[in-house]
Protein backbone atom coordinates (compact mmCIF):
# COMPACT_ATOMS: atom_id res chain seq x y z
CA MET A 1 -142.92 279.65 60.44
CA ALA A 2 -141.08 276.43 61.52
CA THR A 3 -137.72 276.94 63.17
CA ALA A 4 -134.58 275.38 61.05
CA SER A 5 -131.94 273.88 62.89
CA SER A 6 -128.13 275.65 62.22
CA SER A 7 -127.03 272.70 60.25
CA SER A 8 -130.26 272.78 57.98
CA LEU A 9 -129.75 276.57 57.33
CA SER A 10 -126.14 275.78 56.67
CA ARG A 11 -126.58 273.54 53.84
CA LEU A 12 -129.43 275.65 52.35
CA LEU A 13 -127.66 278.53 52.06
CA LEU A 14 -124.88 277.11 50.44
CA ARG A 15 -127.41 274.90 48.09
CA THR A 16 -128.60 278.21 46.91
CA PHE A 17 -125.67 280.56 46.66
CA SER A 18 -123.71 277.72 44.79
CA ASN A 19 -126.41 277.15 42.28
CA PRO A 20 -124.80 278.47 38.86
CA SER A 21 -128.39 279.38 37.93
CA PHE A 22 -128.28 281.68 40.73
CA PRO A 23 -128.94 284.96 39.01
CA PRO A 24 -126.58 287.96 39.34
CA PRO A 25 -128.15 290.90 41.48
CA ARG A 26 -129.98 294.17 40.47
CA PHE A 27 -128.53 297.36 41.50
CA PRO A 28 -131.51 299.94 39.97
CA THR A 29 -130.30 302.73 41.86
CA LEU A 30 -126.48 302.23 42.50
CA THR A 31 -125.48 302.44 38.48
CA ARG A 32 -122.55 305.07 39.60
CA LEU A 33 -121.04 302.38 41.42
CA PHE A 34 -121.60 298.89 39.44
CA SER A 35 -121.58 298.44 36.15
CA SER A 36 -124.87 297.25 34.69
CA ARG A 37 -123.98 293.32 34.21
CA PRO A 38 -122.42 292.09 37.01
CA ARG A 39 -120.56 288.84 36.66
CA ARG A 40 -122.75 286.01 36.86
CA ASN A 41 -121.81 283.03 39.98
CA THR A 42 -120.36 280.23 38.14
CA THR A 43 -119.48 278.39 41.43
CA LYS A 44 -120.66 274.59 40.76
CA THR A 45 -123.68 273.30 43.07
CA ILE A 46 -122.57 271.20 46.10
CA THR A 47 -124.70 268.27 46.52
CA PHE A 48 -125.31 267.05 50.51
CA SER A 49 -126.63 263.60 52.14
CA ASP A 50 -127.07 263.06 55.45
CA ALA A 51 -124.80 260.00 55.73
CA ASP A 52 -122.42 260.01 58.37
CA ASP A 53 -119.69 258.34 56.17
CA GLU A 54 -116.14 260.26 56.88
CA ASP A 55 -115.10 260.14 53.28
CA GLU A 56 -118.02 261.90 52.13
CA LYS A 57 -117.38 264.65 54.86
CA ASN A 58 -114.14 264.98 53.52
CA ASN A 59 -114.96 265.18 49.78
CA ILE A 60 -117.51 267.80 50.71
CA THR A 61 -114.96 269.83 52.71
CA LYS A 62 -112.54 269.78 50.03
CA GLU A 63 -115.46 270.85 47.31
CA MET A 64 -116.57 273.91 49.49
CA GLU A 65 -112.88 274.82 49.38
CA LYS A 66 -112.05 274.81 45.94
CA THR A 67 -115.64 277.04 45.40
CA LYS A 68 -114.47 279.10 47.87
CA LEU A 69 -118.07 278.98 49.48
CA PRO A 70 -118.86 281.17 52.66
CA PRO A 71 -118.52 279.28 55.71
CA PRO A 72 -121.79 277.63 57.33
CA TYR A 73 -123.93 279.69 59.16
CA ASP A 74 -124.06 278.90 63.07
CA PRO A 75 -126.57 281.55 64.83
CA PHE A 76 -124.50 280.36 68.21
CA ASN A 77 -121.13 281.46 66.97
CA LYS A 78 -119.99 284.67 68.15
CA LYS A 79 -117.46 285.28 65.39
CA PRO A 80 -118.74 287.18 62.48
CA VAL A 81 -119.37 284.60 59.57
CA ILE A 82 -117.72 286.74 57.47
CA GLU A 83 -114.58 288.35 58.12
CA GLU A 84 -114.26 292.40 57.40
CA PRO A 85 -112.16 293.42 54.67
CA ASN A 86 -108.20 294.31 55.25
CA ASP A 87 -108.78 297.45 54.56
CA PRO A 88 -112.06 298.98 55.19
CA LYS A 89 -111.09 302.83 53.78
CA ASP A 90 -110.34 301.21 50.37
CA LEU A 91 -113.65 301.50 48.98
CA GLN A 92 -112.74 301.12 45.27
CA GLU A 93 -111.19 297.59 46.31
CA ILE A 94 -114.45 296.76 47.86
CA PHE A 95 -116.79 297.83 45.36
CA HIS A 96 -114.87 296.39 42.76
CA LYS A 97 -115.27 293.06 44.85
CA MET A 98 -119.14 293.72 45.04
CA ARG A 99 -119.21 294.28 41.35
CA THR A 100 -117.35 291.30 40.31
CA GLU A 101 -117.88 288.83 42.81
CA GLY A 102 -121.42 289.30 43.80
CA LEU A 103 -123.13 290.05 47.06
CA VAL A 104 -123.44 286.70 48.53
CA ASN A 105 -121.09 287.56 51.54
CA ASN A 106 -123.32 290.61 52.42
CA ALA A 107 -126.52 288.58 51.92
CA ILE A 108 -124.59 286.24 54.95
CA LYS A 109 -123.27 289.07 57.05
CA MET A 110 -127.05 290.56 56.96
CA PHE A 111 -128.93 287.06 57.52
CA ASP A 112 -126.40 286.04 60.51
CA ALA A 113 -126.92 289.59 62.24
CA LEU A 114 -130.57 289.37 62.10
CA SER A 115 -130.58 285.89 63.41
CA LYS A 116 -128.28 286.92 66.15
CA ASP A 117 -130.54 289.68 67.20
CA GLY A 118 -133.58 287.40 67.59
CA LEU A 119 -135.07 288.69 64.06
CA THR A 120 -135.46 285.34 62.95
CA HIS A 121 -138.68 286.16 60.70
CA GLU A 122 -137.23 289.02 58.99
CA ALA A 123 -133.82 286.89 58.31
CA MET A 124 -136.17 283.78 56.97
CA GLU A 125 -137.94 286.59 54.98
CA LEU A 126 -134.88 287.63 53.59
CA PHE A 127 -133.55 284.21 52.39
CA GLY A 128 -136.98 283.39 51.29
CA VAL A 129 -136.80 285.90 48.27
CA ILE A 130 -133.19 284.55 47.54
CA LYS A 131 -134.34 281.33 47.69
CA ASP A 132 -137.81 281.01 45.97
CA LYS A 133 -137.72 284.16 43.63
CA GLY A 134 -133.83 283.49 42.38
CA ASN A 135 -133.32 287.39 43.30
CA MET A 136 -130.94 288.99 45.59
CA PRO A 137 -132.82 291.53 47.78
CA ASP A 138 -132.24 294.85 46.58
CA VAL A 139 -132.08 295.72 50.58
CA VAL A 140 -128.72 293.44 50.54
CA ALA A 141 -127.47 295.88 47.54
CA HIS A 142 -128.14 299.24 49.05
CA THR A 143 -126.95 297.76 52.60
CA ALA A 144 -123.72 296.66 51.19
CA VAL A 145 -123.05 300.31 49.93
CA ILE A 146 -123.86 301.81 53.08
CA GLU A 147 -121.83 299.26 55.20
CA ALA A 148 -118.78 300.02 53.21
CA TYR A 149 -118.70 304.13 53.48
CA SER A 150 -119.57 303.50 57.04
CA ASN A 151 -116.80 301.75 57.62
CA ALA A 152 -114.17 303.61 56.05
CA GLY A 153 -114.76 306.59 58.42
CA GLY A 154 -115.46 309.89 57.24
CA HIS A 155 -117.90 309.04 54.77
CA SER A 156 -121.24 308.68 56.79
CA LYS A 157 -122.35 311.41 54.70
CA GLU A 158 -122.31 309.49 51.26
CA ALA A 159 -123.75 306.46 53.76
CA VAL A 160 -126.78 308.76 54.39
CA LYS A 161 -127.21 309.72 50.80
CA VAL A 162 -127.31 306.40 49.81
CA PHE A 163 -130.06 305.25 52.49
CA LEU A 164 -132.10 308.16 51.09
CA ARG A 165 -131.94 307.27 47.86
CA MET A 166 -132.66 303.72 48.94
CA LEU A 167 -136.06 304.67 50.78
CA SER A 168 -136.95 307.26 47.76
CA SER A 169 -136.46 304.25 45.38
CA GLY A 170 -139.03 302.35 47.74
CA VAL A 171 -136.70 299.88 49.31
CA LYS A 172 -137.30 298.99 52.99
CA PRO A 173 -134.62 298.98 55.40
CA ASN A 174 -133.94 296.51 58.05
CA ALA A 175 -132.37 296.15 61.47
CA TYR A 176 -129.00 295.54 59.92
CA THR A 177 -129.23 298.68 57.33
CA TYR A 178 -130.23 300.89 60.33
CA SER A 179 -127.23 299.42 62.54
CA VAL A 180 -124.74 300.07 60.26
CA LEU A 181 -125.69 303.22 59.30
CA ILE A 182 -125.97 304.44 62.98
CA LYS A 183 -122.57 302.78 63.93
CA GLY A 184 -121.06 304.82 60.96
CA LEU A 185 -122.72 308.26 61.74
CA ALA A 186 -121.68 307.73 65.60
CA LYS A 187 -117.94 306.80 64.42
CA ASP A 188 -117.85 310.20 62.77
CA GLY A 189 -119.11 311.95 65.37
CA ASN A 190 -122.46 312.96 63.29
CA LEU A 191 -124.24 313.03 66.54
CA LYS A 192 -127.57 314.77 65.33
CA ASP A 193 -127.99 312.20 62.35
CA ALA A 194 -127.43 309.42 64.70
CA LYS A 195 -130.06 310.45 67.12
CA LYS A 196 -132.38 310.75 63.86
CA TYR A 197 -131.98 307.49 63.02
CA VAL A 198 -132.41 305.29 66.00
CA LEU A 199 -135.17 307.26 66.57
CA ASP A 200 -136.58 306.74 63.25
CA MET A 201 -135.76 302.81 63.78
CA MET A 202 -137.76 302.79 66.58
CA ASP A 203 -140.60 304.83 65.31
CA LYS A 204 -141.01 302.62 62.56
CA GLY A 205 -141.72 299.52 64.42
CA ILE A 206 -138.24 298.00 63.83
CA LYS A 207 -136.91 296.35 66.87
CA GLY A 208 -135.15 298.62 68.98
CA PRO A 209 -131.11 298.75 68.34
CA ASN A 210 -128.69 295.71 69.64
CA VAL A 211 -126.43 296.55 72.31
CA GLY A 212 -123.24 297.13 69.63
CA THR A 213 -125.49 300.02 68.18
CA TYR A 214 -126.46 301.74 71.03
CA THR A 215 -123.52 301.81 73.09
CA CYS A 216 -121.59 303.11 69.87
CA VAL A 217 -124.02 305.99 69.75
CA PHE A 218 -123.35 306.28 73.88
CA GLU A 219 -119.65 306.05 73.61
CA ALA A 220 -120.03 308.86 70.83
CA PHE A 221 -121.49 311.51 73.23
CA ALA A 222 -118.82 310.31 76.09
CA ARG A 223 -116.07 311.18 73.35
CA GLU A 224 -117.30 314.52 72.43
CA GLU A 225 -118.23 315.13 76.20
CA LYS A 226 -122.27 315.20 75.98
CA VAL A 227 -123.07 313.73 78.61
CA ASP A 228 -126.24 315.50 78.98
CA GLU A 229 -127.08 315.31 75.57
CA GLY A 230 -126.79 311.27 75.68
CA LYS A 231 -129.17 311.29 78.97
CA GLU A 232 -131.47 313.12 76.96
CA LEU A 233 -131.69 310.44 74.18
CA LEU A 234 -131.94 307.50 76.78
CA GLU A 235 -134.85 309.18 78.09
CA VAL A 236 -136.60 309.69 74.45
CA ILE A 237 -135.92 305.90 73.74
CA LYS A 238 -137.10 304.78 77.14
CA SER A 239 -140.37 306.54 76.54
CA LYS A 240 -140.89 304.36 73.49
CA GLY A 241 -140.19 301.19 75.39
CA PHE A 242 -136.58 300.41 75.15
CA THR A 243 -134.29 299.44 78.23
CA PRO A 244 -130.32 299.01 78.01
CA ASP A 245 -129.10 295.69 79.23
CA GLU A 246 -125.98 296.86 81.79
CA ASN A 247 -124.71 292.99 81.55
CA ALA A 248 -124.49 293.66 78.04
CA VAL A 249 -123.08 296.83 77.47
CA ARG A 250 -119.89 295.90 80.38
CA ASP A 251 -119.22 292.62 78.18
CA HIS A 252 -119.47 294.78 74.93
CA LEU A 253 -117.13 297.79 76.38
CA SER A 254 -113.66 296.15 76.62
CA LYS A 255 -111.85 299.11 77.37
CA ARG A 256 -112.13 300.38 81.33
CA GLY A 257 -111.63 303.99 80.41
CA GLN A 258 -112.67 307.52 80.92
CA VAL A 259 -115.21 306.61 78.06
CA PHE A 260 -116.22 303.66 79.84
CA SER A 261 -117.44 305.62 82.74
CA SER A 262 -119.10 308.19 81.38
CA VAL A 263 -121.52 305.81 78.89
CA MET A 264 -122.10 303.78 82.82
CA ASN A 265 -122.74 307.28 83.94
CA MET A 266 -125.22 308.11 81.28
CA LEU A 267 -127.21 304.82 80.62
CA PHE A 268 -127.26 303.41 84.17
CA ASN A 269 -126.12 306.68 86.52
CA LYS A 270 -123.20 304.34 87.77
CA VAL A 271 -119.68 305.68 88.27
CA ASN A 272 -117.07 302.96 87.79
């Protein structure tokens, strides 16, 4: 598959998601959380040209602001393409927005994360379903709910339930789905399930967890003072061909406290 430039992807995403004929997402196994008739996206289409005229650019910018479209996709920007909700614990508000405003932001977050993790094929496959078939992929809807529960804290059991319903419905999770689930489990100190899904992810041939995901798990081991158990997990994932990146872990861990030292000890046998 040919690799598109960041600018081309931006335009492609915006054209598709702003199309008034773009159908509402389907939620086949999430009827308890969403109404059966999500509101249709009535955002008007933006037409782009290759002209360098400054007035044209200004008109496009103003039009984007009016329609409240998400920002253009940029795989080289480290800042999240979609900001997290102000209060991740307010699940009622988050689910209400999903139901009334659709899942465009969630789709772009997933697309962005997969691309930045080097999973370009998976990202473009996801976008292809949206563009060619006109449907919001089921994996986006399920992952959005899993992420909401995971980010809220204390709701990782609900996140697992949604994940299992997702599997039973025949919907295949991707690397981003596993990432948000594992982070939520680690955040809640549910180390047993966090380990389970790290290994499940790898056993299914999905690219190993990114630095943010596996570091989160080992931080949880450090907080629970289960360094030996963390080292055991490390040996298992190493046997599956996975190797943690020391520089990436250092960059990811901003605090230089006891947790940082414990994580570095577990992963690299270093005392900092």
